[in-house]
Amino acid sequence: MEIDARHPIRTITRMDTVTAALVVQFLVSVAFNLMGSFMPLFISSEFNETLIGATGWTGTSSFVASTIMAITAPFWGWMCDRVGTKKVLLFVLAGNIVVYAGMAFSTNVLQIVFFRALQGGFGGISTVMFAIVASAVPSRDLKKALSYQMAAMTMGGLVSPGIGGVMASLIGYRLTMVASAILFVLILPVVVKLTLPPPAGRDVDAKSFDFSDFKSLIPDIVALILVYVCISFIAPAISWFLASLGVPDDQLLLWTAAATILNGIAFAIATPMLTNAVNDRTLPLLSVGAAAAIMATAFVFNPIQFIALRIVIGGIQAGIPPNLLGGRSGRKGTGMGFLNSARFLGMAIGPIMATTILGDGVPPRPLYMYSVMAIISMGAAVFIYATHRKKEPEEKET
C-alpha cells in the first residue's frame, strides 16, 4: 500500500486496520478448519457409516452450510453497513462457538447436518472481513488487499487441517471440535480491541447499495459461482480418492491432511503474485489451466500424483477470486455480501454435485465427475473472457 503524502496518519491507520483484520482472518480460518481433514473419517468412525457413505454425508452437510451462507451473506453485508462491522463480527463469532460445541457432542449424523446448517446462518465472518478490508483501503489497492486477505484465509485453512489431524489422532475427533470452539472464544477479545470504520447508518443515501450496484456485480457473481464450484468440489471426496489409490485406512488421515495442506500452500503463495500479474484479459487462462489439471487428475494411478496435481490446481486457481472480488460496488458491505454469497453458492454446489456424480465410486463415475468439473472450469473461462475483457478500458479511466 502506498503512503498518501497528504494524509500519512490516515494511511498508517488503514494499514494497522488491515493488518489486524488479516490476523483475525487467519485465526478464524484456523478455528473454522480444524475439522477440515477428518470430517468424513469422523462420520464414518463415530456413526458407523461406510467411508463412501460418510463422504456423501460430508458433501450434503457442506451443501447445506454453504447454501445457507450464500443466502445470508448479503444480509450480513447489509448489517455491516447499518450497525457496524465489529458488532456483526462479535455476533457471528459467538454463533460459531455454539456450532462447534454442538458438533462435538452430536450423537448422529443428522445432528451434524443441523449444526452445519446453523453454521451457515452464522456464516458472516468472511463477509465482515471482506467489508473491513474494502472500507480500509483506497480503490487502487483493493484487489491487492483482498489477495492478502485471501492468502491469510488460506494460510489459516492450510495449517489448520494438519493441526486438526494431529490433534484428532491424539485427543480424538470430538475434543478437536471443542478446541475449535475454544479458539473462537479466544478471538473475541482480539476483535474487541479492533478499531474499525463506523457504520454508514440509515441516513447516508449517497452511499447506499442500489440495483445499479447489484447489476454491475452480476458478471463477477456468476464467475465466482463457477470458479468456486471448481475450487471446492473435491473436498469431501479426498479421503475416498486416496483410499482408491491404495492408501491404507490407518494412513488416510495423514494423507488427506497432506493433500489439503499442500494445495492450500500453493493457493496462499500464488494468490498475491497472480493477483498482481494477471488482468481481466488474461484471467480466463487461469481457468483453462485449472480445467486441464482437473481432467488430468482423473488419470492418476498413485497418491503422489494426486497430491502433485492438487498443488498445481491450487496454484493456478489462486489468482482468480481476488480479481473478481475487487469489483467497484464490492467496496460497500452489501456488495461484498453478494460477492461472498457467490463464493458460498459455488462452495455449496461443487461438493454436492461431485459426490452425487461420484455415487458409489464405481468406474467410470470418477471420470464423469472430473469431466464435469473440467467442463465447468472451461465454461468459467469462456464467461470471464466474454464479460470481463470489456471492463479493463473503463477501469483505466478511473
Protein backbone atom coordinates (compact mmCIF):
# COMPACT_ATOMS: atom_id res chain seq x y z
CA MET A 1 0.00 0.00 0.00
CA GLU A 2 1.34 3.42 -0.99
CA ILE A 3 1.63 6.17 1.61
CA ASP A 4 -0.57 9.19 0.83
CA ALA A 5 1.71 12.18 1.43
CA ARG A 6 -1.32 14.38 2.11
CA HIS A 7 -2.75 12.07 4.76
CA PRO A 8 0.09 9.95 6.23
CA ILE A 9 -1.64 9.31 9.56
CA ARG A 10 -4.81 8.14 7.82
CA THR A 11 -2.77 5.78 5.63
CA ILE A 12 -0.96 4.29 8.64
CA THR A 13 -4.29 3.79 10.42
CA ARG A 14 -5.62 1.97 7.37
CA MET A 15 -2.54 -0.25 7.33
CA ASP A 16 -3.00 -1.06 11.03
CA THR A 17 -6.67 -1.92 10.47
CA VAL A 18 -5.87 -4.18 7.53
CA THR A 19 -3.04 -5.90 9.41
CA ALA A 20 -5.29 -6.54 12.42
CA ALA A 21 -8.03 -7.81 10.10
CA LEU A 22 -5.57 -10.21 8.48
CA VAL A 23 -4.58 -11.58 11.91
CA VAL A 24 -8.23 -12.10 12.87
CA GLN A 25 -8.91 -13.69 9.48
CA PHE A 26 -6.03 -16.13 9.99
CA LEU A 27 -7.20 -17.13 13.48
CA VAL A 28 -10.81 -17.53 12.36
CA SER A 29 -9.71 -19.74 9.47
CA VAL A 30 -7.70 -21.91 11.85
CA ALA A 31 -10.69 -22.33 14.16
CA PHE A 32 -13.03 -22.93 11.23
CA ASN A 33 -10.92 -25.62 9.55
CA LEU A 34 -9.52 -27.77 12.35
CA MET A 35 -12.02 -30.42 11.28
CA GLY A 36 -11.16 -29.96 7.60
CA SER A 37 -9.10 -33.11 7.22
CA PHE A 38 -11.23 -35.58 9.16
CA MET A 39 -14.98 -34.90 8.79
CA PRO A 40 -15.65 -37.98 6.57
CA LEU A 41 -13.47 -40.09 8.89
CA PHE A 42 -15.29 -38.68 11.94
CA ILE A 43 -18.71 -39.53 10.49
CA SER A 44 -17.51 -42.97 9.42
CA SER A 45 -15.99 -43.93 12.77
CA GLU A 46 -18.47 -42.28 15.15
CA PHE A 47 -21.74 -43.03 13.37
CA ASN A 48 -21.00 -46.41 11.76
CA GLU A 49 -21.08 -45.19 8.15
CA THR A 50 -19.02 -46.58 5.28
CA LEU A 51 -16.33 -44.21 4.03
CA ILE A 52 -18.17 -43.60 0.74
CA GLY A 53 -21.39 -43.04 2.73
CA ALA A 54 -19.61 -40.65 5.07
CA THR A 55 -18.21 -38.83 2.03
CA GLY A 56 -21.77 -38.35 0.80
CA TRP A 57 -22.93 -37.03 4.18
CA THR A 58 -19.97 -34.64 4.28
CA GLY A 59 -20.92 -33.34 0.85
CA THR A 60 -24.54 -32.94 1.95
CA SER A 61 -23.63 -31.07 5.13
CA SER A 62 -21.26 -28.83 3.18
CA PHE A 63 -24.01 -28.13 0.66
CA VAL A 64 -26.47 -27.20 3.40
CA ALA A 65 -23.98 -24.94 5.21
CA SER A 66 -22.73 -23.20 2.09
CA THR A 67 -26.23 -22.69 0.68
CA ILE A 68 -27.42 -21.01 3.87
CA MET A 69 -24.21 -18.94 3.95
CA ALA A 70 -24.96 -17.86 0.38
CA ILE A 71 -28.48 -16.80 1.37
CA THR A 72 -27.41 -14.91 4.50
CA ALA A 73 -24.17 -13.28 3.24
CA PRO A 74 -25.91 -10.21 1.70
CA PHE A 75 -27.80 -9.74 4.98
CA TRP A 76 -24.56 -9.71 6.97
CA GLY A 77 -23.05 -7.25 4.48
CA TRP A 78 -26.09 -5.00 4.88
CA MET A 79 -25.78 -5.25 8.66
CA CYS A 80 -22.14 -4.16 8.40
CA ASP A 81 -23.28 -1.01 6.60
CA ARG A 82 -26.02 -0.35 9.15
CA VAL A 83 -24.76 -1.32 12.60
CA GLY A 84 -21.02 -1.69 12.11
CA THR A 85 -18.60 -4.48 11.33
CA LYS A 86 -17.40 -5.02 14.90
CA LYS A 87 -20.85 -5.78 16.34
CA VAL A 88 -21.64 -8.15 13.47
CA LEU A 89 -18.28 -9.90 13.79
CA LEU A 90 -18.72 -10.46 17.55
CA PHE A 91 -22.21 -11.87 16.98
CA VAL A 92 -21.19 -14.39 14.30
CA LEU A 93 -18.16 -15.46 16.33
CA ALA A 94 -20.47 -16.23 19.26
CA GLY A 95 -22.71 -18.22 16.92
CA ASN A 96 -19.80 -20.35 15.74
CA ILE A 97 -18.86 -21.14 19.35
CA VAL A 98 -22.31 -22.73 19.72
CA VAL A 99 -21.97 -24.57 16.40
CA TYR A 100 -18.64 -26.25 17.11
CA ALA A 101 -19.58 -27.14 20.66
CA GLY A 102 -22.79 -28.67 19.32
CA MET A 103 -20.97 -30.77 16.70
CA ALA A 104 -18.57 -32.02 19.36
CA PHE A 105 -21.48 -33.52 21.30
CA SER A 106 -23.55 -34.77 18.34
CA THR A 107 -24.88 -38.31 18.62
CA ASN A 108 -25.90 -38.92 14.98
CA VAL A 109 -25.12 -37.66 11.52
CA LEU A 110 -28.36 -35.66 11.22
CA GLN A 111 -27.23 -33.53 14.15
CA ILE A 112 -24.01 -32.80 12.24
CA VAL A 113 -26.11 -31.64 9.29
CA PHE A 114 -28.22 -29.49 11.65
CA PHE A 115 -25.23 -27.77 13.21
CA ARG A 116 -23.64 -27.26 9.79
CA ALA A 117 -26.91 -25.59 8.75
CA LEU A 118 -26.75 -23.42 11.86
CA GLN A 119 -23.16 -22.59 10.95
CA GLY A 120 -24.46 -21.37 7.60
CA GLY A 121 -26.72 -18.95 9.42
CA PHE A 122 -23.73 -17.58 11.30
CA GLY A 123 -21.55 -17.59 8.19
CA GLY A 124 -20.99 -13.87 8.09
CA ILE A 125 -17.35 -13.92 9.20
CA SER A 126 -15.72 -13.75 5.78
CA THR A 127 -18.30 -11.21 4.58
CA VAL A 128 -17.44 -8.98 7.53
CA MET A 129 -13.71 -9.39 6.93
CA PHE A 130 -14.11 -8.51 3.25
CA ALA A 131 -16.13 -5.44 4.25
CA ILE A 132 -13.46 -4.36 6.76
CA VAL A 133 -10.68 -4.57 4.18
CA ALA A 134 -12.79 -2.91 1.48
CA SER A 135 -13.55 0.04 3.78
CA ALA A 136 -9.94 0.46 4.91
CA VAL A 137 -8.06 0.74 1.61
CA PRO A 138 -8.30 3.06 -1.42
CA SER A 139 -9.81 1.73 -4.64
CA ARG A 140 -6.48 1.20 -6.38
CA ASP A 141 -5.30 -1.12 -3.58
CA LEU A 142 -8.49 -3.15 -3.16
CA LYS A 143 -7.57 -6.19 -5.28
CA LYS A 144 -4.13 -6.35 -3.68
CA ALA A 145 -5.57 -6.07 -0.15
CA LEU A 146 -8.17 -8.74 -0.89
CA SER A 147 -5.44 -11.01 -2.23
CA TYR A 148 -3.57 -10.71 1.09
CA GLN A 149 -6.79 -11.38 2.98
CA MET A 150 -7.47 -14.48 0.90
CA ALA A 151 -3.87 -15.56 1.47
CA ALA A 152 -4.40 -15.17 5.24
CA MET A 153 -7.68 -17.09 4.98
CA THR A 154 -5.95 -19.83 3.01
CA MET A 155 -2.92 -19.95 5.29
CA GLY A 156 -5.19 -20.46 8.27
CA GLY A 157 -7.12 -23.07 6.34
CA LEU A 158 -3.99 -24.93 5.27
CA VAL A 159 -2.23 -25.16 8.63
CA SER A 160 -5.45 -25.93 10.47
CA PRO A 161 -6.36 -29.31 8.89
CA GLY A 162 -2.87 -30.62 9.63
CA ILE A 163 -3.05 -29.40 13.22
CA GLY A 164 -6.58 -30.77 13.49
CA GLY A 165 -5.48 -34.13 12.11
CA VAL A 166 -2.66 -34.39 14.65
CA MET A 167 -4.97 -33.29 17.47
CA ALA A 168 -7.61 -35.81 16.39
CA SER A 169 -5.05 -38.61 16.46
CA LEU A 170 -4.02 -37.57 19.99
CA ILE A 171 -7.22 -36.44 21.72
CA GLY A 172 -9.96 -37.64 19.35
CA TYR A 173 -12.31 -36.01 16.87
CA ARG A 174 -14.76 -34.58 19.39
CA LEU A 175 -12.22 -32.82 21.61
CA THR A 176 -10.66 -31.32 18.49
CA MET A 177 -14.03 -29.73 17.69
CA VAL A 178 -14.17 -28.44 21.27
CA ALA A 179 -10.76 -26.88 20.64
CA SER A 180 -12.26 -25.01 17.67
CA ALA A 181 -14.99 -23.59 19.92
CA ILE A 182 -12.38 -22.53 22.48
CA LEU A 183 -10.30 -20.78 19.80
CA PHE A 184 -13.37 -18.80 18.71
CA VAL A 185 -13.76 -17.71 22.34
CA LEU A 186 -10.12 -16.55 22.43
CA ILE A 187 -10.62 -14.49 19.25
CA LEU A 188 -13.37 -12.39 20.85
CA PRO A 189 -11.02 -10.13 22.90
CA VAL A 190 -8.88 -9.52 19.81
CA VAL A 191 -11.94 -8.29 17.90
CA VAL A 192 -12.98 -6.06 20.80
CA LYS A 193 -9.63 -4.25 20.52
CA LEU A 194 -10.00 -3.62 16.77
CA THR A 195 -10.50 -0.04 15.61
CA LEU A 196 -12.92 -0.25 12.72
CA PRO A 197 -14.68 2.31 10.48
CA PRO A 198 -18.10 3.46 11.77
CA PRO A 199 -21.24 2.16 10.03
CA ALA A 200 -22.69 4.23 7.21
CA GLY A 201 -26.00 4.47 9.03
CA ARG A 202 -29.51 4.73 7.65
CA ASP A 203 -29.29 8.35 6.53
CA VAL A 204 -26.35 8.13 4.14
CA ASP A 205 -28.35 7.75 0.91
CA ALA A 206 -25.41 8.57 -1.33
CA LYS A 207 -23.55 5.52 -0.14
CA SER A 208 -26.43 3.06 -0.08
CA PHE A 209 -26.31 -0.05 -2.21
CA ASP A 210 -28.86 0.07 -5.06
CA PHE A 211 -29.94 -2.02 -8.04
CA SER A 212 -27.37 -0.45 -10.36
CA ASP A 213 -24.64 -1.60 -7.96
CA PHE A 214 -26.06 -5.12 -7.96
CA LYS A 215 -26.39 -5.13 -11.76
CA SER A 216 -22.72 -4.19 -12.14
CA LEU A 217 -21.76 -7.15 -9.93
CA ILE A 218 -23.70 -9.83 -11.86
CA PRO A 219 -20.75 -10.86 -14.10
CA ASP A 220 -18.50 -11.19 -11.03
CA ILE A 221 -21.21 -13.12 -9.15
CA VAL A 222 -21.73 -15.65 -11.95
CA ALA A 223 -17.99 -16.05 -12.49
CA LEU A 224 -17.35 -16.57 -8.76
CA ILE A 225 -20.02 -19.28 -8.57
CA LEU A 226 -18.46 -21.19 -11.47
CA VAL A 227 -14.91 -20.76 -10.16
CA TYR A 228 -15.75 -21.86 -6.62
CA VAL A 229 -17.60 -24.94 -7.87
CA CYS A 230 -14.25 -25.99 -9.35
CA ILE A 231 -12.24 -24.96 -6.28
CA SER A 232 -14.39 -26.76 -3.70
CA PHE A 233 -15.75 -29.87 -5.44
CA ILE A 234 -13.05 -32.33 -4.34
CA ALA A 235 -13.01 -31.52 -0.60
CA PRO A 236 -15.38 -34.22 0.75
CA ALA A 237 -14.01 -36.89 -1.59
CA ILE A 238 -10.26 -36.53 -0.99
CA SER A 239 -10.11 -39.37 1.55
CA TRP A 240 -12.07 -41.69 -0.73
CA PHE A 241 -9.87 -40.96 -3.74
CA LEU A 242 -6.71 -41.54 -1.70
CA ALA A 243 -8.14 -44.84 -0.44
CA SER A 244 -8.96 -45.85 -4.02
CA LEU A 245 -5.33 -45.14 -4.94
CA GLY A 246 -4.05 -47.59 -2.34
CA VAL A 247 -3.56 -45.52 0.83
CA PRO A 248 -4.15 -47.81 3.87
CA ASP A 249 -7.02 -46.92 6.21
CA ASP A 250 -4.69 -46.16 9.11
CA GLN A 251 -2.82 -43.59 6.97
CA LEU A 252 -5.82 -41.86 5.37
CA LEU A 253 -5.94 -39.04 7.92
CA LEU A 254 -2.27 -38.19 7.33
CA TRP A 255 -2.52 -38.33 3.53
CA THR A 256 -5.76 -36.31 3.47
CA ALA A 257 -4.19 -33.64 5.65
CA ALA A 258 -1.10 -33.55 3.41
CA ALA A 259 -3.20 -33.14 0.25
CA THR A 260 -5.25 -30.36 1.83
CA ILE A 261 -2.25 -28.53 3.29
CA LEU A 262 -0.11 -28.62 0.15
CA ASN A 263 -3.00 -27.46 -2.02
CA GLY A 264 -3.55 -24.60 0.42
CA ILE A 265 0.13 -23.63 0.49
CA ALA A 266 0.17 -23.38 -3.30
CA PHE A 267 -3.02 -21.30 -3.23
CA ALA A 268 -1.75 -18.96 -0.49
CA ILE A 269 1.65 -18.35 -2.10
CA ALA A 270 0.26 -17.85 -5.59
CA THR A 271 -2.66 -15.59 -4.63
CA PRO A 272 -0.78 -12.25 -4.17
CA MET A 273 1.60 -12.98 -7.05
CA LEU A 274 -1.06 -13.90 -9.59
CA THR A 275 -3.38 -11.09 -8.47
CA ASN A 276 -0.69 -8.59 -9.45
CA ALA A 277 0.36 -10.46 -12.59
CA VAL A 278 -2.97 -11.12 -14.32
CA ASN A 279 -5.64 -8.76 -15.62
CA ASP A 280 -9.15 -9.18 -17.00
CA ARG A 281 -7.82 -10.21 -20.40
CA THR A 282 -5.50 -12.94 -19.09
CA LEU A 283 -7.73 -14.11 -16.22
CA PRO A 284 -9.55 -16.75 -18.35
CA LEU A 285 -6.25 -18.52 -18.99
CA LEU A 286 -6.07 -19.50 -15.31
CA SER A 287 -9.46 -21.19 -15.52
CA VAL A 288 -8.39 -23.02 -18.70
CA GLY A 289 -5.25 -24.25 -16.93
CA ALA A 290 -7.31 -25.39 -13.94
CA ALA A 291 -9.63 -27.34 -16.28
CA ALA A 292 -6.67 -29.19 -17.78
CA ALA A 293 -5.24 -30.07 -14.35
CA ILE A 294 -8.65 -31.22 -13.05
CA MET A 295 -9.09 -33.50 -16.05
CA ALA A 296 -5.58 -34.87 -15.62
CA THR A 297 -6.43 -35.91 -12.04
CA ALA A 298 -8.86 -38.50 -13.44
CA PHE A 299 -5.92 -40.48 -14.83
CA VAL A 300 -3.54 -40.60 -11.85
CA PHE A 301 -2.65 -44.04 -10.52
CA ASN A 302 -0.90 -43.28 -7.20
CA PRO A 303 -1.43 -40.83 -4.32
CA ILE A 304 1.76 -38.86 -5.05
CA GLN A 305 0.45 -37.92 -8.48
CA PHE A 306 -2.91 -36.99 -6.95
CA ILE A 307 -1.28 -34.64 -4.43
CA ALA A 308 1.04 -33.16 -7.08
CA LEU A 309 -1.95 -32.20 -9.20
CA ARG A 310 -3.74 -30.78 -6.15
CA ILE A 311 -0.72 -28.48 -5.70
CA VAL A 312 -0.82 -27.44 -9.37
CA ILE A 313 -4.57 -26.78 -9.25
CA GLY A 314 -4.24 -24.69 -6.07
CA GLY A 315 -1.52 -22.56 -7.63
CA ILE A 316 -3.48 -21.99 -10.86
CA GLN A 317 -6.83 -21.18 -9.26
CA ALA A 318 -5.34 -18.76 -6.72
CA GLY A 319 -5.29 -15.70 -8.97
CA ILE A 320 -8.96 -15.76 -9.95
CA PRO A 321 -11.03 -14.91 -6.81
CA PRO A 322 -9.32 -11.62 -5.76
CA ASN A 323 -9.66 -10.22 -9.27
CA LEU A 324 -13.38 -10.99 -9.22
CA LEU A 325 -13.96 -9.83 -5.64
CA GLY A 326 -12.31 -6.45 -6.29
CA GLY A 327 -15.29 -5.03 -8.17
CA ARG A 328 -16.25 -1.39 -7.77
CA SER A 329 -19.57 -1.90 -5.97
CA GLY A 330 -17.94 -4.53 -3.82
CA ARG A 331 -16.48 -1.76 -1.68
CA LYS A 332 -19.82 -1.50 0.15
CA GLY A 333 -20.70 -4.04 2.79
CA THR A 334 -23.84 -5.15 0.96
CA GLY A 335 -21.88 -5.54 -2.26
CA MET A 336 -19.25 -7.64 -0.54
CA GLY A 337 -22.11 -9.70 0.88
CA PHE A 338 -23.44 -10.51 -2.58
CA LEU A 339 -19.95 -11.37 -3.86
CA ASN A 340 -19.31 -13.57 -0.85
CA SER A 341 -22.72 -15.14 -1.38
CA ALA A 342 -21.50 -16.19 -4.82
CA ARG A 343 -18.43 -17.82 -3.22
CA PHE A 344 -20.62 -19.75 -0.80
CA LEU A 345 -23.05 -20.79 -3.53
CA GLY A 346 -20.16 -22.21 -5.55
CA MET A 347 -18.84 -23.98 -2.45
CA ALA A 348 -22.33 -25.43 -1.90
CA ILE A 349 -22.84 -26.65 -5.45
CA GLY A 350 -19.35 -28.09 -6.03
CA PRO A 351 -19.18 -30.77 -3.31
CA ILE A 352 -22.78 -31.93 -3.62
CA MET A 353 -22.51 -32.12 -7.42
CA ALA A 354 -19.24 -34.02 -7.19
CA THR A 355 -20.42 -36.53 -4.58
CA THR A 356 -23.70 -37.04 -6.45
CA ILE A 357 -21.88 -37.83 -9.71
CA LEU A 358 -19.32 -39.96 -7.85
CA GLY A 359 -22.13 -42.00 -6.28
CA ASP A 360 -20.79 -45.39 -5.18
CA GLY A 361 -17.41 -44.67 -6.77
CA VAL A 362 -17.61 -47.49 -9.31
CA PRO A 363 -15.84 -46.59 -12.60
CA PRO A 364 -16.50 -44.70 -14.78
CA ARG A 365 -18.20 -42.44 -12.22
CA PRO A 366 -14.92 -40.81 -11.05
CA LEU A 367 -14.10 -39.98 -14.69
CA TYR A 368 -17.55 -38.48 -15.16
CA MET A 369 -17.06 -36.33 -12.06
CA TYR A 370 -13.71 -34.92 -13.18
CA SER A 371 -15.03 -34.39 -16.71
CA VAL A 372 -18.00 -32.34 -15.49
CA MET A 373 -15.78 -30.18 -13.29
CA ALA A 374 -13.29 -29.61 -16.11
CA ILE A 375 -16.14 -28.55 -18.40
CA ILE A 376 -17.41 -26.10 -15.75
CA SER A 377 -13.91 -24.64 -15.41
CA MET A 378 -13.74 -24.19 -19.19
CA GLY A 379 -17.18 -22.60 -19.08
CA ALA A 380 -15.93 -20.19 -16.42
CA ALA A 381 -13.03 -19.24 -18.69
CA VAL A 382 -15.35 -18.51 -21.61
CA PHE A 383 -17.73 -16.50 -19.41
CA ILE A 384 -14.93 -14.43 -17.83
CA TYR A 385 -13.47 -13.72 -21.27
CA ALA A 386 -16.86 -12.65 -22.65
CA THR A 387 -17.83 -10.42 -19.72
CA HIS A 388 -14.63 -9.09 -18.16
CA ARG A 389 -12.35 -8.24 -21.06
CA LYS A 390 -14.59 -5.23 -21.82
CA LYS A 391 -14.16 -3.80 -18.31
CA GLU A 392 -10.45 -3.14 -18.47
CA PRO A 393 -10.53 0.09 -20.58
CA GLU A 394 -13.21 1.50 -18.26
CA GLU A 395 -11.14 0.77 -15.16
CA LYS A 396 -8.10 2.55 -16.59
CA GLU A 397 -10.09 5.79 -16.81
CA THR A 398 -10.89 5.81 -13.07
